[in-house]
């Protein structure tokens, strides 16, 4: 399994790497920064302990990838996802729980690279689709998703201000997001 991906030429280096247990403190810092961006409380100490166990324990419940920019020692972005299963299509679905880049590192292609990497992983793992939700007020993120060909699943007001989106393959296995890879 590939654990590191260089996505840029040397002049503009971005390295994506699967998070390992020693990365847990940095991942939690990024999750806390996302919580602040979303105007939510960050994970408390008990939630942080569960995050570490659920992400890096004997039976991980999610996978995390980190984005490192140039010579920065700490990651500047991350994506967290896990697989679900569609009984109607009898195939796995990759669900993107979080994708986030620190504000001072935005507009450098880091978030797009993380998203493209998740799409590629979903494809490589035989997932029929990749789903995620986005806060309804986050118009910039929604524009990125629309540019890559995602379609909205719902704008149900009961979903607490979130918009669901999907990238999927049709039943003939053509990858709708193929242009993104």
Foldseek 3Di string as FASTA:
>chain_A
DDFKDWDDPPVWTKMKGKDELVLLVLVLVQQCLVCVVVVHHRDDPVRSVVQSCCCHNPHHQKIKMFMDTDPDPGGFWMWIWHWDADPVLRFIEIETEDTDGHPVPPPSCRSLVRVLVSLVVCLVRGGQKYKYKDAQVPVVVVVSCVVQPWDWPDDDVVVPRIIMIMFGAPSVRDGSSVVSD
